[in-house]
Amino acid sequence: MVAHYGPMATRDLGLLKFAYTGVDLFFVITGYVFAPQLFGQRSALLEFAIRRFFRIYPLYVMALATYVGIRAALGQPTEHIALHLLFLHTIESKEIAFYFNPAFWSLPPEVEFYMGLPLLGLLIRRGARLWMLIAVATSVLVALAISRAGDIDAVNRVYVLSVHLPGLLIEFLLGAMAWRLAQRRLPAATALALLLLGVVSWLLLAVMFSKADPTRNEYLALEIGALAKPLVGLAAALCASAAVVGTVVLLRARAGVLKTVGVASGKLSYGIYLFHNAALAALAPMLQYLGPWGYLLSCVAATLAFSAVAHVLIEEPARRFGRWLGSQVSA
């Protein structure tokens, strides 16, 4: 939300330019959450698929309908709906991928990770080590980065692979590694050090990223077309992994206000992800009356309110139904 709202608040984004790496944190957290399945927690495939479908899809369809409605109300065309319904909107062009909501691009690799999780779990049970999977995933990412060296923004087969599971698997696996570390009895000092390491390293990356000269297409004297841009995401995911481990261990030891706030905001996070750009579009006519900051605050308030209502009326009931249906099918 900061990444997408920032340009409305200031022309000189500075560190805000690096806020787009929130999506890397998103993938790391997914790997963390599903690490138990990766490392041996058994569940029937059909039950797992049913639970994931009802956890993700109903609220997504509501969000897609919201963006379609906003475009129709503004007199704009409403195309590519079928591609979005099938999570195929990121295989043709950036225009289609960002057509309704730019944030929607990250859902297909998320779903692909769910689909690939049983195979990854099977590899682990057959003797593969997590470090082996991380090494392979890193090699794939580097190979894709080198293949894109000619034109980093060309939407070709290599580009598509890089923004889908082949190029992003490493970030999910780093989340799984974070889960393994968090299961150990780490001292509070170690956890705090990991948290600070992750946050400070992320800030250093943000500073270097903000200093990049866009007219020369480079980060730190490395040309984007070679390795820098894809590896920036990997570096951000490493920072996120350290921060996640530290945060989880510290909160586990002190279940206080922060944990309560974290759980409450976590319930709204999916809705915030889906609807925050809808608020920008729906409230755009108010910009001239409210000014930039009044407009942004209104968008934040509308996003939180709508996400809360959607969670109560759609997201949570669908999640409960999916769990019930999955358990019935499994039984």
C-alpha atoms as a PDB file:
ATOM      1  CA  MET A   1       0.000   0.000   0.000  1.00  0.00           C
ATOM      2  CA  VAL A   2       2.892   2.355   0.785  1.00  0.00           C
ATOM      3  CA  ALA A   3       4.462   1.535  -2.581  1.00  0.00           C
ATOM      4  CA  HIS A   4       1.285   2.393  -4.478  1.00  0.00           C
ATOM      5  CA  TYR A   5       0.222   5.383  -2.355  1.00  0.00           C
ATOM      6  CA  GLY A   6       3.694   6.942  -2.128  1.00  0.00           C
ATOM      7  CA  PRO A   7       3.660   8.663  -5.536  1.00  0.00           C
ATOM      8  CA  MET A   8       0.504  10.516  -4.508  1.00  0.00           C
ATOM      9  CA  ALA A   9       2.220  11.906  -1.409  1.00  0.00           C
ATOM     10  CA  THR A  10       5.558  13.044  -2.822  1.00  0.00           C
ATOM     11  CA  ARG A  11       7.411  13.316  -6.100  1.00  0.00           C
ATOM     12  CA  ASP A  12      10.734  12.486  -4.464  1.00  0.00           C
ATOM     13  CA  LEU A  13       9.972   8.955  -3.311  1.00  0.00           C
ATOM     14  CA  GLY A  14      13.402   8.317  -1.817  1.00  0.00           C
ATOM     15  CA  LEU A  15      13.276   5.139   0.266  1.00  0.00           C
ATOM     16  CA  LEU A  16       9.633   4.665  -0.687  1.00  0.00           C
ATOM     17  CA  LYS A  17      10.807   3.424  -4.092  1.00  0.00           C
ATOM     18  CA  PHE A  18      11.969   0.264  -2.338  1.00  0.00           C
ATOM     19  CA  ALA A  19       8.579  -0.383  -0.756  1.00  0.00           C
ATOM     20  CA  TYR A  20       7.695  -2.583  -3.735  1.00  0.00           C
ATOM     21  CA  THR A  21       9.769  -5.317  -2.048  1.00  0.00           C
ATOM     22  CA  GLY A  22       6.824  -5.824   0.266  1.00  0.00           C
ATOM     23  CA  VAL A  23       5.833  -8.477  -2.258  1.00  0.00           C
ATOM     24  CA  ASP A  24       9.079 -10.327  -1.485  1.00  0.00           C
ATOM     25  CA  LEU A  25       8.113 -10.295   2.190  1.00  0.00           C
ATOM     26  CA  PHE A  26       4.710 -11.622   1.074  1.00  0.00           C
ATOM     27  CA  PHE A  27       6.323 -14.650  -0.596  1.00  0.00           C
ATOM     28  CA  VAL A  28       8.654 -15.276   2.354  1.00  0.00           C
ATOM     29  CA  ILE A  29       5.704 -15.310   4.756  1.00  0.00           C
ATOM     30  CA  THR A  30       3.891 -17.799   2.513  1.00  0.00           C
ATOM     31  CA  GLY A  31       6.906 -20.114   2.604  1.00  0.00           C
ATOM     32  CA  TYR A  32       6.996 -19.748   6.384  1.00  0.00           C
ATOM     33  CA  VAL A  33       3.301 -20.550   6.805  1.00  0.00           C
ATOM     34  CA  PHE A  34       3.420 -23.678   4.633  1.00  0.00           C
ATOM     35  CA  ALA A  35       6.791 -24.968   5.838  1.00  0.00           C
ATOM     36  CA  PRO A  36       5.136 -27.605   8.084  1.00  0.00           C
ATOM     37  CA  GLN A  37       3.573 -29.217   4.993  1.00  0.00           C
ATOM     38  CA  LEU A  38       6.912 -29.030   3.242  1.00  0.00           C
ATOM     39  CA  PHE A  39       8.690 -30.823   6.081  1.00  0.00           C
ATOM     40  CA  GLY A  40       6.313 -33.692   6.631  1.00  0.00           C
ATOM     41  CA  GLN A  41       2.930 -32.558   7.951  1.00  0.00           C
ATOM     42  CA  ARG A  42       0.607 -34.792   5.960  1.00  0.00           C
ATOM     43  CA  SER A  43      -2.710 -33.673   4.480  1.00  0.00           C
ATOM     44  CA  ALA A  44      -4.850 -35.102   1.717  1.00  0.00           C
ATOM     45  CA  LEU A  45      -4.256 -33.340  -1.599  1.00  0.00           C
ATOM     46  CA  LEU A  46      -7.940 -32.740  -2.289  1.00  0.00           C
ATOM     47  CA  GLU A  47      -8.537 -31.374   1.199  1.00  0.00           C
ATOM     48  CA  PHE A  48      -5.541 -29.073   0.855  1.00  0.00           C
ATOM     49  CA  ALA A  49      -6.775 -27.851  -2.554  1.00  0.00           C
ATOM     50  CA  ILE A  50     -10.299 -27.201  -1.256  1.00  0.00           C
ATOM     51  CA  ARG A  51      -9.059 -25.255   1.747  1.00  0.00           C
ATOM     52  CA  ARG A  52      -6.725 -23.128  -0.374  1.00  0.00           C
ATOM     53  CA  PHE A  53      -9.456 -22.449  -2.953  1.00  0.00           C
ATOM     54  CA  PHE A  54     -11.939 -21.127  -0.402  1.00  0.00           C
ATOM     55  CA  ARG A  55      -9.230 -19.198   1.423  1.00  0.00           C
ATOM     56  CA  ILE A  56      -8.073 -17.308  -1.671  1.00  0.00           C
ATOM     57  CA  TYR A  57     -10.666 -17.338  -4.415  1.00  0.00           C
ATOM     58  CA  PRO A  58     -13.988 -15.970  -3.027  1.00  0.00           C
ATOM     59  CA  LEU A  59     -12.511 -12.694  -1.797  1.00  0.00           C
ATOM     60  CA  TYR A  60     -10.409 -12.428  -4.948  1.00  0.00           C
ATOM     61  CA  VAL A  61     -13.530 -12.740  -7.128  1.00  0.00           C
ATOM     62  CA  MET A  62     -15.207 -10.034  -5.057  1.00  0.00           C
ATOM     63  CA  ALA A  63     -12.153  -7.804  -5.506  1.00  0.00           C
ATOM     64  CA  LEU A  64     -12.058  -8.440  -9.249  1.00  0.00           C
ATOM     65  CA  ALA A  65     -15.769  -7.591  -9.479  1.00  0.00           C
ATOM     66  CA  THR A  66     -15.060  -4.372  -7.560  1.00  0.00           C
ATOM     67  CA  TYR A  67     -12.378  -3.283 -10.037  1.00  0.00           C
ATOM     68  CA  VAL A  68     -14.588  -4.236 -12.991  1.00  0.00           C
ATOM     69  CA  GLY A  69     -17.398  -2.165 -11.483  1.00  0.00           C
ATOM     70  CA  ILE A  70     -15.150   0.844 -10.928  1.00  0.00           C
ATOM     71  CA  ARG A  71     -13.890   0.753 -14.518  1.00  0.00           C
ATOM     72  CA  ALA A  72     -17.442   0.430 -15.830  1.00  0.00           C
ATOM     73  CA  ALA A  73     -18.611   3.346 -13.665  1.00  0.00           C
ATOM     74  CA  LEU A  74     -15.772   5.477 -15.035  1.00  0.00           C
ATOM     75  CA  GLY A  75     -16.702   4.567 -18.604  1.00  0.00           C
ATOM     76  CA  GLN A  76     -13.535   2.525 -19.149  1.00  0.00           C
ATOM     77  CA  PRO A  77     -13.436  -0.804 -21.036  1.00  0.00           C
ATOM     78  CA  THR A  78     -13.567  -4.023 -19.009  1.00  0.00           C
ATOM     79  CA  GLU A  79     -11.569  -6.657 -20.847  1.00  0.00           C
ATOM     80  CA  HIS A  80      -9.460  -9.692 -19.872  1.00  0.00           C
ATOM     81  CA  ILE A  81     -11.889 -10.777 -17.128  1.00  0.00           C
ATOM     82  CA  ALA A  82     -11.616 -14.470 -18.023  1.00  0.00           C
ATOM     83  CA  LEU A  83      -7.806 -14.366 -17.875  1.00  0.00           C
ATOM     84  CA  HIS A  84      -7.965 -12.831 -14.419  1.00  0.00           C
ATOM     85  CA  LEU A  85     -10.521 -15.362 -13.200  1.00  0.00           C
ATOM     86  CA  LEU A  86      -8.188 -18.178 -14.265  1.00  0.00           C
ATOM     87  CA  PHE A  87      -5.010 -16.499 -12.925  1.00  0.00           C
ATOM     88  CA  LEU A  88      -3.639 -16.320 -16.468  1.00  0.00           C
ATOM     89  CA  HIS A  89      -3.332 -12.547 -16.596  1.00  0.00           C
ATOM     90  CA  THR A  90       0.462 -12.555 -16.187  1.00  0.00           C
ATOM     91  CA  ILE A  91       1.426 -14.663 -19.204  1.00  0.00           C
ATOM     92  CA  GLU A  92       0.874 -12.215 -22.072  1.00  0.00           C
ATOM     93  CA  SER A  93       1.749  -8.609 -21.280  1.00  0.00           C
ATOM     94  CA  LYS A  94       2.228  -6.119 -18.478  1.00  0.00           C
ATOM     95  CA  GLU A  95      -0.822  -4.233 -19.711  1.00  0.00           C
ATOM     96  CA  ILE A  96      -3.048  -7.252 -19.072  1.00  0.00           C
ATOM     97  CA  ALA A  97      -1.301  -8.128 -15.808  1.00  0.00           C
ATOM     98  CA  PHE A  98      -1.873  -4.600 -14.437  1.00  0.00           C
ATOM     99  CA  TYR A  99      -5.208  -4.036 -16.198  1.00  0.00           C
ATOM    100  CA  PHE A 100      -7.466  -4.048 -13.129  1.00  0.00           C
ATOM    101  CA  ASN A 101      -5.049  -3.943 -10.213  1.00  0.00           C
ATOM    102  CA  PRO A 102      -1.227  -3.989 -10.457  1.00  0.00           C
ATOM    103  CA  ALA A 103      -1.043  -5.961  -7.205  1.00  0.00           C
ATOM    104  CA  PHE A 104      -2.852  -8.903  -8.825  1.00  0.00           C
ATOM    105  CA  TRP A 105       0.361  -9.974 -10.601  1.00  0.00           C
ATOM    106  CA  SER A 106       1.643 -11.711  -7.453  1.00  0.00           C
ATOM    107  CA  LEU A 107      -1.311 -14.084  -7.019  1.00  0.00           C
ATOM    108  CA  PRO A 108      -0.415 -16.552  -9.839  1.00  0.00           C
ATOM    109  CA  PRO A 109       3.009 -17.461  -8.359  1.00  0.00           C
ATOM    110  CA  GLU A 110       1.342 -17.794  -4.960  1.00  0.00           C
ATOM    111  CA  VAL A 111      -1.147 -20.315  -6.368  1.00  0.00           C
ATOM    112  CA  GLU A 112       1.652 -22.058  -8.269  1.00  0.00           C
ATOM    113  CA  PHE A 113       3.491 -22.521  -4.985  1.00  0.00           C
ATOM    114  CA  TYR A 114       0.419 -24.192  -3.512  1.00  0.00           C
ATOM    115  CA  MET A 115       0.303 -26.512  -6.523  1.00  0.00           C
ATOM    116  CA  GLY A 116       4.012 -27.280  -6.314  1.00  0.00           C
ATOM    117  CA  LEU A 117       4.079 -27.810  -2.550  1.00  0.00           C
ATOM    118  CA  PRO A 118       3.170 -31.544  -2.690  1.00  0.00           C
ATOM    119  CA  LEU A 119       6.034 -32.196  -5.108  1.00  0.00           C
ATOM    120  CA  LEU A 120       8.482 -30.191  -3.003  1.00  0.00           C
ATOM    121  CA  GLY A 121       7.348 -32.103   0.084  1.00  0.00           C
ATOM    122  CA  LEU A 122       7.848 -35.390  -1.741  1.00  0.00           C
ATOM    123  CA  LEU A 123      11.402 -34.381  -2.664  1.00  0.00           C
ATOM    124  CA  ILE A 124      12.117 -33.573   0.997  1.00  0.00           C
ATOM    125  CA  ARG A 125      10.715 -36.941   2.126  1.00  0.00           C
ATOM    126  CA  ARG A 126      12.824 -38.712  -0.518  1.00  0.00           C
ATOM    127  CA  GLY A 127      16.017 -37.272   0.896  1.00  0.00           C
ATOM    128  CA  ALA A 128      16.437 -33.846  -0.683  1.00  0.00           C
ATOM    129  CA  ARG A 129      17.762 -31.214   1.704  1.00  0.00           C
ATOM    130  CA  LEU A 130      16.378 -27.709   1.942  1.00  0.00           C
ATOM    131  CA  TRP A 131      19.777 -26.264   1.056  1.00  0.00           C
ATOM    132  CA  MET A 132      19.737 -28.339  -2.143  1.00  0.00           C
ATOM    133  CA  LEU A 133      16.368 -26.889  -3.155  1.00  0.00           C
ATOM    134  CA  ILE A 134      17.591 -23.384  -2.288  1.00  0.00           C
ATOM    135  CA  ALA A 135      20.724 -23.910  -4.409  1.00  0.00           C
ATOM    136  CA  VAL A 136      18.681 -25.117  -7.387  1.00  0.00           C
ATOM    137  CA  ALA A 137      16.157 -22.283  -7.063  1.00  0.00           C
ATOM    138  CA  THR A 138      18.946 -19.708  -6.815  1.00  0.00           C
ATOM    139  CA  SER A 139      20.637 -21.165  -9.900  1.00  0.00           C
ATOM    140  CA  VAL A 140      17.372 -20.924 -11.836  1.00  0.00           C
ATOM    141  CA  LEU A 141      16.944 -17.293 -10.772  1.00  0.00           C
ATOM    142  CA  VAL A 142      20.479 -16.396 -11.852  1.00  0.00           C
ATOM    143  CA  ALA A 143      20.033 -18.209 -15.175  1.00  0.00           C
ATOM    144  CA  LEU A 144      16.811 -16.301 -15.847  1.00  0.00           C
ATOM    145  CA  ALA A 145      18.491 -13.024 -14.883  1.00  0.00           C
ATOM    146  CA  ILE A 146      21.355 -13.652 -17.303  1.00  0.00           C
ATOM    147  CA  SER A 147      18.902 -14.623 -20.052  1.00  0.00           C
ATOM    148  CA  ARG A 148      17.103 -11.309 -19.552  1.00  0.00           C
ATOM    149  CA  ALA A 149      20.318  -9.301 -19.811  1.00  0.00           C
ATOM    150  CA  GLY A 150      19.511  -8.086 -23.332  1.00  0.00           C
ATOM    151  CA  ASP A 151      16.258  -6.377 -22.399  1.00  0.00           C
ATOM    152  CA  ILE A 152      15.128  -6.561 -18.794  1.00  0.00           C
ATOM    153  CA  ASP A 153      11.617  -5.296 -19.587  1.00  0.00           C
ATOM    154  CA  ALA A 154      10.863  -7.403 -22.674  1.00  0.00           C
ATOM    155  CA  VAL A 155       7.783  -9.535 -21.985  1.00  0.00           C
ATOM    156  CA  ASN A 156       9.025 -12.820 -23.395  1.00  0.00           C
ATOM    157  CA  ARG A 157       9.096 -16.415 -22.211  1.00  0.00           C
ATOM    158  CA  VAL A 158      12.059 -15.793 -19.923  1.00  0.00           C
ATOM    159  CA  TYR A 159      10.385 -12.750 -18.413  1.00  0.00           C
ATOM    160  CA  VAL A 160       7.200 -14.734 -17.721  1.00  0.00           C
ATOM    161  CA  LEU A 161       9.168 -17.496 -16.007  1.00  0.00           C
ATOM    162  CA  SER A 162      10.953 -14.938 -13.853  1.00  0.00           C
ATOM    163  CA  VAL A 163       7.697 -13.540 -12.425  1.00  0.00           C
ATOM    164  CA  HIS A 164       6.221 -16.988 -11.864  1.00  0.00           C
ATOM    165  CA  LEU A 165       7.286 -19.847  -9.633  1.00  0.00           C
ATOM    166  CA  PRO A 166      10.546 -20.742 -11.455  1.00  0.00           C
ATOM    167  CA  GLY A 167      11.977 -17.314 -10.730  1.00  0.00           C
ATOM    168  CA  LEU A 168      10.337 -16.790  -7.341  1.00  0.00           C
ATOM    169  CA  LEU A 169      10.635 -20.232  -5.727  1.00  0.00           C
ATOM    170  CA  ILE A 170      13.773 -19.142  -3.890  1.00  0.00           C
ATOM    171  CA  GLU A 171      11.765 -16.582  -1.901  1.00  0.00           C
ATOM    172  CA  PHE A 172       9.230 -19.188  -0.738  1.00  0.00           C
ATOM    173  CA  LEU A 173      12.089 -21.511   0.240  1.00  0.00           C
ATOM    174  CA  LEU A 174      13.743 -18.743   2.249  1.00  0.00           C
ATOM    175  CA  GLY A 175      10.477 -18.499   4.171  1.00  0.00           C
ATOM    176  CA  ALA A 176      10.642 -22.246   4.819  1.00  0.00           C
ATOM    177  CA  MET A 177      14.224 -21.821   6.047  1.00  0.00           C
ATOM    178  CA  ALA A 178      13.011 -19.067   8.375  1.00  0.00           C
ATOM    179  CA  TRP A 179      10.443 -21.491   9.809  1.00  0.00           C
ATOM    180  CA  ARG A 180      13.150 -24.086  10.483  1.00  0.00           C
ATOM    181  CA  LEU A 181      15.237 -21.513  12.319  1.00  0.00           C
ATOM    182  CA  ALA A 182      12.256 -20.247  14.319  1.00  0.00           C
ATOM    183  CA  GLN A 183      11.590 -23.766  15.629  1.00  0.00           C
ATOM    184  CA  ARG A 184      14.903 -23.719  17.483  1.00  0.00           C
ATOM    185  CA  ARG A 185      15.155 -22.332  20.975  1.00  0.00           C
ATOM    186  CA  LEU A 186      16.917 -19.151  19.989  1.00  0.00           C
ATOM    187  CA  PRO A 187      17.885 -16.760  22.790  1.00  0.00           C
ATOM    188  CA  ALA A 188      16.030 -13.466  22.823  1.00  0.00           C
ATOM    189  CA  ALA A 189      19.283 -11.633  22.084  1.00  0.00           C
ATOM    190  CA  THR A 190      19.815 -13.724  18.952  1.00  0.00           C
ATOM    191  CA  ALA A 191      16.252 -13.133  17.814  1.00  0.00           C
ATOM    192  CA  LEU A 192      16.614  -9.394  18.347  1.00  0.00           C
ATOM    193  CA  ALA A 193      19.894  -9.424  16.429  1.00  0.00           C
ATOM    194  CA  LEU A 194      18.218 -11.222  13.500  1.00  0.00           C
ATOM    195  CA  LEU A 195      15.360  -8.736  13.506  1.00  0.00           C
ATOM    196  CA  LEU A 196      17.741  -5.776  13.513  1.00  0.00           C
ATOM    197  CA  LEU A 197      19.918  -7.415  10.859  1.00  0.00           C
ATOM    198  CA  GLY A 198      16.925  -7.862   8.573  1.00  0.00           C
ATOM    199  CA  VAL A 199      15.551  -4.351   9.078  1.00  0.00           C
ATOM    200  CA  VAL A 200      18.894  -2.538   8.859  1.00  0.00           C
ATOM    201  CA  SER A 201      19.978  -4.541   5.805  1.00  0.00           C
ATOM    202  CA  TRP A 202      16.658  -3.754   4.117  1.00  0.00           C
ATOM    203  CA  LEU A 203      17.142  -0.047   4.869  1.00  0.00           C
ATOM    204  CA  LEU A 204      20.658  -0.141   3.411  1.00  0.00           C
ATOM    205  CA  LEU A 205      19.291  -1.768   0.265  1.00  0.00           C
ATOM    206  CA  ALA A 206      16.566   0.875   0.141  1.00  0.00           C
ATOM    207  CA  VAL A 207      19.157   3.648   0.386  1.00  0.00           C
ATOM    208  CA  MET A 208      21.230   2.159  -2.438  1.00  0.00           C
ATOM    209  CA  PHE A 209      18.106   1.591  -4.517  1.00  0.00           C
ATOM    210  CA  SER A 210      16.922   5.175  -3.986  1.00  0.00           C
ATOM    211  CA  LYS A 211      20.321   6.486  -5.102  1.00  0.00           C
ATOM    212  CA  ALA A 212      20.214   4.576  -8.389  1.00  0.00           C
ATOM    213  CA  ASP A 213      20.247   6.767 -11.456  1.00  0.00           C
ATOM    214  CA  PRO A 214      17.190   5.770 -13.531  1.00  0.00           C
ATOM    215  CA  THR A 215      18.544   7.553 -16.591  1.00  0.00           C
ATOM    216  CA  ARG A 216      21.505   5.171 -16.673  1.00  0.00           C
ATOM    217  CA  ASN A 217      19.515   2.052 -15.781  1.00  0.00           C
ATOM    218  CA  GLU A 218      21.875   0.910 -13.104  1.00  0.00           C
ATOM    219  CA  TYR A 219      22.042  -0.013  -9.456  1.00  0.00           C
ATOM    220  CA  LEU A 220      25.434   0.519  -7.871  1.00  0.00           C
ATOM    221  CA  ALA A 221      27.246   0.546 -11.231  1.00  0.00           C
ATOM    222  CA  LEU A 222      25.759  -2.858 -12.097  1.00  0.00           C
ATOM    223  CA  GLU A 223      23.575  -2.760 -15.180  1.00  0.00           C
ATOM    224  CA  ILE A 224      20.000  -3.764 -14.456  1.00  0.00           C
ATOM    225  CA  GLY A 225      19.926  -5.962 -17.533  1.00  0.00           C
ATOM    226  CA  ALA A 226      22.579  -8.291 -16.158  1.00  0.00           C
ATOM    227  CA  LEU A 227      21.943  -9.436 -12.598  1.00  0.00           C
ATOM    228  CA  ALA A 228      21.146  -6.508 -10.350  1.00  0.00           C
ATOM    229  CA  LYS A 229      17.388  -6.152 -10.621  1.00  0.00           C
ATOM    230  CA  PRO A 230      16.404  -9.814 -10.025  1.00  0.00           C
ATOM    231  CA  LEU A 231      18.988 -10.152  -7.259  1.00  0.00           C
ATOM    232  CA  VAL A 232      17.634  -7.068  -5.502  1.00  0.00           C
ATOM    233  CA  GLY A 233      14.424  -9.026  -4.899  1.00  0.00           C
ATOM    234  CA  LEU A 234      16.448 -11.970  -3.607  1.00  0.00           C
ATOM    235  CA  ALA A 235      18.388  -9.700  -1.258  1.00  0.00           C
ATOM    236  CA  ALA A 236      15.144  -8.183   0.019  1.00  0.00           C
ATOM    237  CA  ALA A 237      13.778 -11.686   0.633  1.00  0.00           C
ATOM    238  CA  LEU A 238      16.904 -12.556   2.646  1.00  0.00           C
ATOM    239  CA  CYS A 239      16.345  -9.448   4.777  1.00  0.00           C
ATOM    240  CA  ALA A 240      12.691 -10.394   5.225  1.00  0.00           C
ATOM    241  CA  SER A 241      13.637 -13.932   6.295  1.00  0.00           C
ATOM    242  CA  ALA A 242      15.912 -12.682   9.071  1.00  0.00           C
ATOM    243  CA  ALA A 243      13.273 -10.186  10.228  1.00  0.00           C
ATOM    244  CA  VAL A 244      10.545 -12.851  10.240  1.00  0.00           C
ATOM    245  CA  VAL A 245      12.609 -15.235  12.388  1.00  0.00           C
ATOM    246  CA  GLY A 246      13.440 -12.518  14.890  1.00  0.00           C
ATOM    247  CA  THR A 247       9.868 -11.247  15.048  1.00  0.00           C
ATOM    248  CA  VAL A 248       8.302 -14.677  15.539  1.00  0.00           C
ATOM    249  CA  VAL A 249      10.718 -15.727  18.296  1.00  0.00           C
ATOM    250  CA  LEU A 250      10.331 -12.452  20.183  1.00  0.00           C
ATOM    251  CA  LEU A 251       6.533 -12.445  19.953  1.00  0.00           C
ATOM    252  CA  ARG A 252       6.377 -16.089  20.961  1.00  0.00           C
ATOM    253  CA  ALA A 253       8.150 -15.192  24.196  1.00  0.00           C
ATOM    254  CA  ARG A 254       6.012 -12.138  24.898  1.00  0.00           C
ATOM    255  CA  ALA A 255       2.383 -12.584  23.897  1.00  0.00           C
ATOM    256  CA  GLY A 256       1.265  -9.036  24.553  1.00  0.00           C
ATOM    257  CA  VAL A 257      -0.273  -6.087  22.756  1.00  0.00           C
ATOM    258  CA  LEU A 258       1.994  -6.404  19.719  1.00  0.00           C
ATOM    259  CA  LYS A 259       0.888  -9.962  19.106  1.00  0.00           C
ATOM    260  CA  THR A 260      -2.774  -8.988  19.461  1.00  0.00           C
ATOM    261  CA  VAL A 261      -2.339  -6.132  17.010  1.00  0.00           C
ATOM    262  CA  GLY A 262      -0.393  -8.396  14.663  1.00  0.00           C
ATOM    263  CA  VAL A 263      -3.089 -11.062  14.598  1.00  0.00           C
ATOM    264  CA  ALA A 264      -5.846  -8.472  14.115  1.00  0.00           C
ATOM    265  CA  SER A 265      -4.032  -6.727  11.271  1.00  0.00           C
ATOM    266  CA  GLY A 266      -3.146 -10.090   9.747  1.00  0.00           C
ATOM    267  CA  LYS A 267      -6.848 -10.824   9.393  1.00  0.00           C
ATOM    268  CA  LEU A 268      -7.184  -7.677   7.276  1.00  0.00           C
ATOM    269  CA  SER A 269      -3.978  -8.103   5.276  1.00  0.00           C
ATOM    270  CA  TYR A 270      -5.431 -10.035   2.340  1.00  0.00           C
ATOM    271  CA  GLY A 271      -8.255  -7.534   1.967  1.00  0.00           C
ATOM    272  CA  ILE A 272      -5.818  -4.618   2.149  1.00  0.00           C
ATOM    273  CA  TYR A 273      -3.715  -6.252  -0.556  1.00  0.00           C
ATOM    274  CA  LEU A 274      -6.745  -6.756  -2.805  1.00  0.00           C
ATOM    275  CA  PHE A 275      -8.627  -3.489  -2.313  1.00  0.00           C
ATOM    276  CA  HIS A 276      -6.144  -0.692  -1.619  1.00  0.00           C
ATOM    277  CA  ASN A 277      -5.799   0.258  -5.295  1.00  0.00           C
ATOM    278  CA  ALA A 278      -9.584   0.198  -5.650  1.00  0.00           C
ATOM    279  CA  ALA A 279      -9.763   2.962  -3.050  1.00  0.00           C
ATOM    280  CA  LEU A 280      -7.381   5.086  -5.142  1.00  0.00           C
ATOM    281  CA  ALA A 281      -9.629   4.724  -8.188  1.00  0.00           C
ATOM    282  CA  ALA A 282     -12.977   5.031  -6.418  1.00  0.00           C
ATOM    283  CA  LEU A 283     -12.026   8.150  -4.449  1.00  0.00           C
ATOM    284  CA  ALA A 284     -10.064   9.842  -7.248  1.00  0.00           C
ATOM    285  CA  PRO A 285     -12.808  12.468  -7.826  1.00  0.00           C
ATOM    286  CA  MET A 286     -12.285  13.638  -4.215  1.00  0.00           C
ATOM    287  CA  LEU A 287      -8.618  14.497  -4.765  1.00  0.00           C
ATOM    288  CA  GLN A 288      -9.334  18.042  -5.912  1.00  0.00           C
ATOM    289  CA  TYR A 289     -11.394  18.729  -2.784  1.00  0.00           C
ATOM    290  CA  LEU A 290      -9.321  16.917  -0.153  1.00  0.00           C
ATOM    291  CA  GLY A 291      -5.809  17.606  -1.377  1.00  0.00           C
ATOM    292  CA  PRO A 292      -3.138  14.879  -1.621  1.00  0.00           C
ATOM    293  CA  TRP A 293      -2.878  14.048   2.077  1.00  0.00           C
ATOM    294  CA  GLY A 294      -6.604  14.203   2.771  1.00  0.00           C
ATOM    295  CA  TYR A 295      -7.167  11.978  -0.252  1.00  0.00           C
ATOM    296  CA  LEU A 296      -4.552   9.449   0.886  1.00  0.00           C
ATOM    297  CA  LEU A 297      -5.889   9.316   4.441  1.00  0.00           C
ATOM    298  CA  SER A 298      -9.374   8.776   3.055  1.00  0.00           C
ATOM    299  CA  CYS A 299      -8.058   5.943   0.866  1.00  0.00           C
ATOM    300  CA  VAL A 300      -6.371   4.303   3.859  1.00  0.00           C
ATOM    301  CA  ALA A 301      -9.527   4.586   5.963  1.00  0.00           C
ATOM    302  CA  ALA A 302     -11.716   3.261   3.151  1.00  0.00           C
ATOM    303  CA  THR A 303      -9.336   0.346   2.528  1.00  0.00           C
ATOM    304  CA  LEU A 304      -9.266  -0.663   6.190  1.00  0.00           C
ATOM    305  CA  ALA A 305     -13.025  -0.359   6.572  1.00  0.00           C
ATOM    306  CA  PHE A 306     -13.812  -2.267   3.394  1.00  0.00           C
ATOM    307  CA  SER A 307     -11.264  -4.964   4.245  1.00  0.00           C
ATOM    308  CA  ALA A 308     -12.807  -5.410   7.696  1.00  0.00           C
ATOM    309  CA  VAL A 309     -16.322  -5.748   6.284  1.00  0.00           C
ATOM    310  CA  ALA A 310     -15.126  -8.128   3.567  1.00  0.00           C
ATOM    311  CA  HIS A 311     -13.317 -10.244   6.155  1.00  0.00           C
ATOM    312  CA  VAL A 312     -16.419 -10.613   8.318  1.00  0.00           C
ATOM    313  CA  LEU A 313     -18.925 -11.171   5.520  1.00  0.00           C
ATOM    314  CA  ILE A 314     -16.930 -13.134   2.934  1.00  0.00           C
ATOM    315  CA  GLU A 315     -13.344 -14.046   3.793  1.00  0.00           C
ATOM    316  CA  GLU A 316     -13.824 -15.686   7.192  1.00  0.00           C
ATOM    317  CA  PRO A 317     -17.086 -17.517   6.325  1.00  0.00           C
ATOM    318  CA  ALA A 318     -15.492 -18.859   3.128  1.00  0.00           C
ATOM    319  CA  ARG A 319     -12.407 -19.975   5.054  1.00  0.00           C
ATOM    320  CA  ARG A 320     -14.521 -21.812   7.623  1.00  0.00           C
ATOM    321  CA  PHE A 321     -16.618 -23.436   4.910  1.00  0.00           C
ATOM    322  CA  GLY A 322     -13.488 -24.536   3.057  1.00  0.00           C
ATOM    323  CA  ARG A 323     -12.085 -26.151   6.191  1.00  0.00           C
ATOM    324  CA  TRP A 324     -15.386 -27.915   6.867  1.00  0.00           C
ATOM    325  CA  LEU A 325     -15.770 -29.102   3.289  1.00  0.00           C
ATOM    326  CA  GLY A 326     -12.161 -30.245   3.135  1.00  0.00           C
ATOM    327  CA  SER A 327     -12.515 -32.262   6.315  1.00  0.00           C
ATOM    328  CA  GLN A 328     -15.753 -33.852   5.029  1.00  0.00           C
ATOM    329  CA  VAL A 329     -14.141 -34.840   1.730  1.00  0.00           C
ATOM    330  CA  SER A 330     -11.076 -36.172   3.514  1.00  0.00           C
ATOM    331  CA  ALA A 331     -13.202 -38.207   5.914  1.00  0.00           C
END
